Amino acid sequence: MASALAGTTALLFSGTDLRSEELKLPALEKLWERLVAFGGFGEAEDIENRNYRTNTTDGAGQTTGCELSEESIEYLRGILGEEAGSMMLYQTALTHRSFVHRPATAEPVESNQRLEFLGDSVLGLLISDYLFRLFPESAEGELSSTRAKIVNSRSLAAFARTIALGDHIRLGETTDHQNIRSSESALADAFESLIGAIYLDKGLQKAYDFVIRHIIEHVNFNTIVAAEHNYKSRLIEYTQSHHLPAPVYTVLAEAGAEHAKSFTVTVTCNEALLGTGTARRKKDAEQLAAREAMEILDREISA
């Protein structure tokens, strides 16, 4: 199974312009078909018959059952660049969990939490593949760290704000609308849910087009990667996240003539030696010491 997955995904984005919206994704579409068949996730007609996948229209051609305002419907058309296949699906994507518990709700309402789960995975896949091909020399740890800086809640909330997504989230009557519409978690959840809805409604290609327009074109990947190579910053982040004292850099030795001097620097934490580096400049020696420390720590984490 693993080899089949690897062979299929290896075709993804091969020989293409990574930022092109004309990018086709037949490999993953076929992979999904195989997974459905292999795992018995349900026949296609079963999926199509889910309430959130189905639009019904009245005699005038208007969607029935959809409670979204005309403003939100027009907003979604603008985001998609075309008509939605299932407006009910996007209604679910915009439904905050507080809305589910409204006293006035006669029928059960699904929040966007399941779509958030799906959208998180779809987004992770697309960003992972993009980074894998954009930075062929980067190690797994560097790629993972770069991806984390793009798909974390803070970044996703910022992307959601650029498209005014918070204005269209459906909220319960007793909730603090202003705070929720601007909250990091609610915006990030809705953004991932929207990606999940696009994937289900339009397919992986359209989801990728959305990610291109609203994430990739707004991110300076080279700046992020450059920051990843700032090992002193990474070491500080590590110590802070593990509630450890800040790392301490000490010049252990100086060698050579004044015009060609080199410095050997050690970095310690809790009086434990983490790394040593030697370079012509103290700052470079500190970076090398921090790099050695991070390499050791990464190995211990992976072990």
Protein backbone atom coordinates (compact mmCIF):
# COMPACT_ATOMS: atom_id res chain seq x y z
CA MET A 1 0.00 0.00 0.00
CA ALA A 2 2.77 2.42 0.95
CA SER A 3 4.69 1.75 -2.27
CA ALA A 4 1.54 2.33 -4.31
CA LEU A 5 0.99 5.66 -2.59
CA ALA A 6 4.58 6.69 -3.12
CA GLY A 7 4.47 5.78 -6.80
CA THR A 8 1.30 7.75 -7.36
CA THR A 9 2.23 10.89 -5.45
CA ALA A 10 5.62 11.01 -7.17
CA LEU A 11 3.78 12.13 -10.30
CA LEU A 12 2.28 15.12 -8.54
CA PHE A 13 3.38 18.51 -9.94
CA SER A 14 6.19 16.83 -11.96
CA GLY A 15 7.74 19.18 -14.55
CA THR A 16 5.29 22.02 -13.94
CA ASP A 17 5.28 25.64 -12.90
CA LEU A 18 4.51 25.35 -9.20
CA ARG A 19 2.56 28.61 -9.12
CA SER A 20 0.51 27.88 -12.24
CA GLU A 21 -3.23 27.67 -11.72
CA GLU A 22 -3.36 25.42 -14.77
CA LEU A 23 -1.73 22.69 -12.72
CA LYS A 24 -3.64 19.42 -13.03
CA LEU A 25 -3.83 16.87 -10.26
CA PRO A 26 -5.02 13.62 -11.83
CA ALA A 27 -2.64 11.56 -9.73
CA LEU A 28 -4.27 12.45 -6.42
CA GLU A 29 -7.76 12.18 -7.87
CA LYS A 30 -6.94 8.64 -8.98
CA LEU A 31 -5.28 7.96 -5.64
CA TRP A 32 -8.48 8.96 -3.85
CA GLU A 33 -10.51 6.64 -6.07
CA ARG A 34 -8.15 3.79 -5.18
CA LEU A 35 -8.35 4.59 -1.47
CA VAL A 36 -12.15 4.58 -1.60
CA ALA A 37 -12.12 1.22 -3.35
CA PHE A 38 -9.43 -0.20 -1.06
CA GLY A 39 -10.80 1.06 2.24
CA GLY A 40 -14.49 0.65 1.55
CA PHE A 41 -15.22 4.26 2.48
CA GLY A 42 -18.55 4.20 0.67
CA GLU A 43 -19.84 4.24 -2.87
CA ALA A 44 -19.85 7.50 -4.79
CA GLU A 45 -23.65 7.71 -4.72
CA ASP A 46 -23.59 7.38 -0.91
CA ILE A 47 -21.29 10.37 -0.66
CA GLU A 48 -23.37 12.37 -3.13
CA ASN A 49 -26.51 11.66 -1.12
CA ARG A 50 -25.17 13.32 2.04
CA ASN A 51 -27.37 16.31 2.84
CA TYR A 52 -24.47 18.72 2.84
CA ARG A 53 -23.49 17.69 -0.68
CA THR A 54 -26.89 18.23 -2.22
CA ASN A 55 -28.52 21.41 -3.49
CA THR A 56 -32.23 21.52 -4.22
CA THR A 57 -33.81 24.31 -6.22
CA ASP A 58 -37.28 25.72 -6.44
CA GLY A 59 -39.15 26.57 -9.62
CA ALA A 60 -37.29 29.85 -9.97
CA GLY A 61 -33.94 28.12 -9.84
CA GLN A 62 -33.11 29.37 -6.36
CA THR A 63 -31.31 27.16 -3.83
CA THR A 64 -33.66 25.90 -1.13
CA GLY A 65 -32.64 24.86 2.35
CA CYS A 66 -29.70 27.26 2.26
CA GLU A 67 -29.84 29.91 5.00
CA LEU A 68 -26.91 31.98 3.83
CA SER A 69 -27.59 35.63 3.09
CA GLU A 70 -27.44 36.87 -0.48
CA GLU A 71 -24.36 38.82 0.54
CA SER A 72 -22.59 35.64 1.68
CA ILE A 73 -23.68 33.75 -1.43
CA GLU A 74 -22.24 36.48 -3.65
CA TYR A 75 -19.11 36.50 -1.50
CA LEU A 76 -18.61 32.77 -2.06
CA ARG A 77 -19.16 33.14 -5.79
CA GLY A 78 -16.45 35.75 -5.82
CA ILE A 79 -14.07 33.55 -3.80
CA LEU A 80 -14.69 30.57 -6.07
CA GLY A 81 -14.76 32.53 -9.30
CA GLU A 82 -17.78 30.47 -10.35
CA GLU A 83 -21.05 29.04 -9.09
CA ALA A 84 -20.90 26.61 -6.18
CA GLY A 85 -21.92 23.05 -6.93
CA SER A 86 -23.37 22.72 -3.44
CA MET A 87 -24.05 25.94 -1.54
CA MET A 88 -25.15 23.85 1.43
CA LEU A 89 -21.62 22.53 1.69
CA TYR A 90 -20.24 26.06 2.00
CA GLN A 91 -22.96 26.92 4.49
CA THR A 92 -21.60 24.14 6.70
CA ALA A 93 -18.06 25.46 6.21
CA LEU A 94 -19.18 28.84 7.56
CA THR A 95 -21.12 27.45 10.53
CA HIS A 96 -19.40 28.01 13.87
CA ARG A 97 -20.11 25.45 16.58
CA SER A 98 -22.04 28.07 18.59
CA PHE A 99 -24.66 28.18 15.83
CA VAL A 100 -25.48 24.50 16.30
CA HIS A 101 -26.90 25.17 19.77
CA ARG A 102 -29.31 27.94 18.77
CA PRO A 103 -32.69 27.47 20.51
CA ALA A 104 -34.47 28.50 17.30
CA THR A 105 -32.88 25.73 15.25
CA ALA A 106 -35.62 23.24 14.44
CA GLU A 107 -33.42 20.62 12.75
CA PRO A 108 -29.92 19.43 13.64
CA VAL A 109 -27.23 21.66 12.14
CA GLU A 110 -23.69 20.50 11.44
CA SER A 111 -20.84 22.80 12.43
CA ASN A 112 -17.70 23.23 10.35
CA GLN A 113 -15.54 21.03 12.60
CA ARG A 114 -15.58 17.99 10.30
CA LEU A 115 -14.79 20.12 7.27
CA GLU A 116 -11.99 21.75 9.25
CA PHE A 117 -10.50 18.29 9.82
CA LEU A 118 -10.63 17.55 6.10
CA GLY A 119 -9.41 20.98 5.04
CA ASP A 120 -6.45 20.75 7.40
CA SER A 121 -5.31 17.56 5.67
CA VAL A 122 -5.90 18.88 2.14
CA LEU A 123 -4.01 22.08 2.91
CA GLY A 124 -1.17 20.16 4.56
CA LEU A 125 -0.81 17.95 1.49
CA LEU A 126 -0.77 20.82 -1.00
CA ILE A 127 1.68 22.96 0.99
CA SER A 128 3.91 19.92 1.67
CA ASP A 129 4.16 19.03 -1.99
CA TYR A 130 4.76 22.66 -2.97
CA LEU A 131 7.63 22.98 -0.47
CA PHE A 132 9.06 19.58 -1.41
CA ARG A 133 9.47 20.69 -5.01
CA LEU A 134 10.38 24.31 -4.34
CA PHE A 135 13.25 23.42 -1.98
CA PRO A 136 14.80 20.15 -3.24
CA GLU A 137 17.87 20.56 -1.02
CA SER A 138 16.00 21.11 2.24
CA ALA A 139 15.92 18.38 4.87
CA GLU A 140 12.71 16.93 6.28
CA GLY A 141 12.98 18.91 9.50
CA GLU A 142 13.41 22.20 7.64
CA LEU A 143 10.46 21.47 5.36
CA SER A 144 8.28 20.55 8.33
CA SER A 145 9.23 23.72 10.17
CA THR A 146 8.56 25.88 7.10
CA ARG A 147 5.17 24.24 6.60
CA ALA A 148 4.31 24.81 10.26
CA LYS A 149 4.92 28.53 9.84
CA ILE A 150 2.44 28.62 6.96
CA VAL A 151 -0.38 26.42 8.24
CA ASN A 152 -0.44 27.44 11.91
CA SER A 153 -3.50 29.16 13.35
CA ARG A 154 -1.95 32.62 13.35
CA SER A 155 -1.03 32.47 9.66
CA LEU A 156 -4.35 30.93 8.62
CA ALA A 157 -6.26 33.58 10.54
CA ALA A 158 -4.25 36.26 8.73
CA PHE A 159 -5.10 34.68 5.36
CA ALA A 160 -8.77 34.57 6.41
CA ARG A 161 -8.69 38.27 7.28
CA THR A 162 -7.36 39.18 3.84
CA ILE A 163 -10.55 37.75 2.31
CA ALA A 164 -12.86 39.08 5.07
CA LEU A 165 -13.98 35.54 5.89
CA GLY A 166 -14.98 36.46 9.44
CA ASP A 167 -17.82 38.65 8.17
CA HIS A 168 -19.60 35.56 6.86
CA ILE A 169 -19.23 33.08 9.73
CA ARG A 170 -22.59 31.90 11.08
CA LEU A 171 -22.72 32.36 14.84
CA GLY A 172 -25.10 31.54 17.66
CA GLU A 173 -27.41 34.26 18.95
CA THR A 174 -25.89 34.46 22.43
CA THR A 175 -22.23 34.54 21.40
CA ASP A 176 -19.96 37.57 21.29
CA HIS A 177 -20.06 38.06 17.54
CA GLN A 178 -17.38 40.70 17.30
CA ASN A 179 -14.81 38.75 19.30
CA ILE A 180 -15.47 35.44 17.56
CA ARG A 181 -15.38 36.95 14.07
CA SER A 182 -11.96 38.37 14.83
CA SER A 183 -10.63 35.47 16.90
CA GLU A 184 -7.62 33.56 15.62
CA SER A 185 -9.08 30.11 16.22
CA ALA A 186 -12.49 30.79 14.62
CA LEU A 187 -10.91 32.36 11.54
CA ALA A 188 -8.33 29.59 11.12
CA ASP A 189 -11.02 26.92 11.53
CA ALA A 190 -13.29 28.58 8.98
CA PHE A 191 -10.43 28.98 6.50
CA GLU A 192 -9.55 25.28 6.69
CA SER A 193 -13.24 24.37 6.49
CA LEU A 194 -13.58 26.43 3.33
CA ILE A 195 -10.68 24.55 1.76
CA GLY A 196 -12.33 21.28 2.73
CA ALA A 197 -15.60 22.43 1.16
CA ILE A 198 -13.88 23.48 -2.07
CA TYR A 199 -12.13 20.11 -2.23
CA LEU A 200 -15.40 18.19 -1.83
CA ASP A 201 -17.37 20.45 -4.15
CA LYS A 202 -14.84 21.20 -6.89
CA GLY A 203 -11.99 18.72 -6.47
CA LEU A 204 -8.34 18.95 -5.59
CA GLN A 205 -7.40 21.19 -8.52
CA LYS A 206 -9.79 23.94 -7.45
CA ALA A 207 -8.60 23.61 -3.86
CA TYR A 208 -5.06 24.08 -5.11
CA ASP A 209 -6.12 27.13 -7.17
CA PHE A 210 -7.58 28.64 -3.99
CA VAL A 211 -4.38 27.93 -2.04
CA ILE A 212 -2.34 29.51 -4.86
CA ARG A 213 -4.40 32.72 -4.83
CA HIS A 214 -4.84 33.15 -1.11
CA ILE A 215 -1.72 31.62 0.45
CA ILE A 216 1.17 30.92 -1.89
CA GLU A 217 1.00 34.27 -3.69
CA HIS A 218 1.05 36.04 -0.30
CA VAL A 219 3.96 34.19 1.30
CA ASN A 220 7.65 34.96 0.87
CA PHE A 221 8.96 31.41 1.14
CA ASN A 222 12.59 32.44 0.79
CA THR A 223 12.28 34.72 3.83
CA ILE A 224 10.76 31.89 5.86
CA VAL A 225 13.50 29.49 4.81
CA ALA A 226 16.19 32.05 5.60
CA ALA A 227 14.72 32.37 9.07
CA GLU A 228 14.86 28.59 9.40
CA HIS A 229 18.61 28.76 8.86
CA ASN A 230 18.91 31.19 11.77
CA TYR A 231 19.83 28.43 14.19
CA LYS A 232 20.16 30.80 17.13
CA SER A 233 16.50 31.77 16.72
CA ARG A 234 15.48 28.13 16.37
CA LEU A 235 17.37 27.23 19.53
CA ILE A 236 15.69 30.04 21.45
CA GLU A 237 12.29 28.86 20.20
CA TYR A 238 13.14 25.33 21.32
CA THR A 239 14.19 26.36 24.83
CA GLN A 240 11.13 28.57 25.25
CA SER A 241 8.72 25.87 24.07
CA HIS A 242 10.29 23.41 26.53
CA HIS A 243 10.35 25.95 29.40
CA LEU A 244 14.15 25.94 29.60
CA PRO A 245 16.53 28.81 30.38
CA ALA A 246 17.80 30.84 27.43
CA PRO A 247 20.93 29.42 25.74
CA VAL A 248 24.24 31.00 26.78
CA TYR A 249 27.06 31.62 24.27
CA THR A 250 30.64 31.76 25.52
CA VAL A 251 33.85 32.46 23.61
CA LEU A 252 36.01 29.46 24.43
CA ALA A 253 39.09 30.48 22.44
CA GLU A 254 40.51 33.02 20.00
CA ALA A 255 43.24 32.06 17.55
CA GLY A 256 45.28 33.65 14.78
CA ALA A 257 46.58 37.10 13.95
CA GLU A 258 44.35 40.13 14.40
CA HIS A 259 43.52 40.32 10.69
CA ALA A 260 42.79 36.57 10.46
CA LYS A 261 41.43 35.73 13.88
CA SER A 262 39.02 32.87 14.46
CA PHE A 263 36.67 32.34 17.37
CA THR A 264 35.49 29.14 19.03
CA VAL A 265 32.17 29.54 20.78
CA THR A 266 30.18 27.13 22.93
CA VAL A 267 26.47 27.20 23.64
CA THR A 268 25.06 25.83 26.88
CA CYS A 269 21.64 25.51 28.50
CA ASN A 270 21.16 24.64 32.13
CA GLU A 271 24.97 24.44 32.24
CA ALA A 272 24.89 21.52 29.76
CA LEU A 273 27.08 21.85 26.66
CA LEU A 274 24.90 21.71 23.55
CA GLY A 275 27.26 22.69 20.75
CA THR A 276 30.54 24.24 19.63
CA GLY A 277 31.37 26.33 16.56
CA THR A 278 34.47 27.95 15.10
CA ALA A 279 34.44 30.81 12.55
CA ARG A 280 36.11 34.08 11.61
CA ARG A 281 33.32 36.09 13.20
CA LYS A 282 31.77 35.59 16.62
CA LYS A 283 28.25 35.74 15.20
CA ASP A 284 29.05 33.02 12.67
CA ALA A 285 30.66 30.88 15.39
CA GLU A 286 27.53 31.27 17.50
CA GLN A 287 25.36 30.20 14.57
CA LEU A 288 27.52 27.11 14.04
CA ALA A 289 27.31 26.25 17.73
CA ALA A 290 23.53 26.66 17.66
CA ARG A 291 23.33 24.56 14.50
CA GLU A 292 25.22 21.72 16.17
CA ALA A 293 22.92 22.01 19.17
CA MET A 294 19.78 21.83 16.99
CA GLU A 295 21.13 18.85 15.05
CA ILE A 296 21.71 16.99 18.32
CA LEU A 297 18.29 17.95 19.67
CA ASP A 298 16.56 16.98 16.41
CA ARG A 299 18.23 13.56 16.50
CA GLU A 300 17.13 13.03 20.11
CA ILE A 301 13.55 13.99 19.23
CA SER A 302 13.53 11.64 16.23
CA ALA A 303 15.05 8.73 18.15
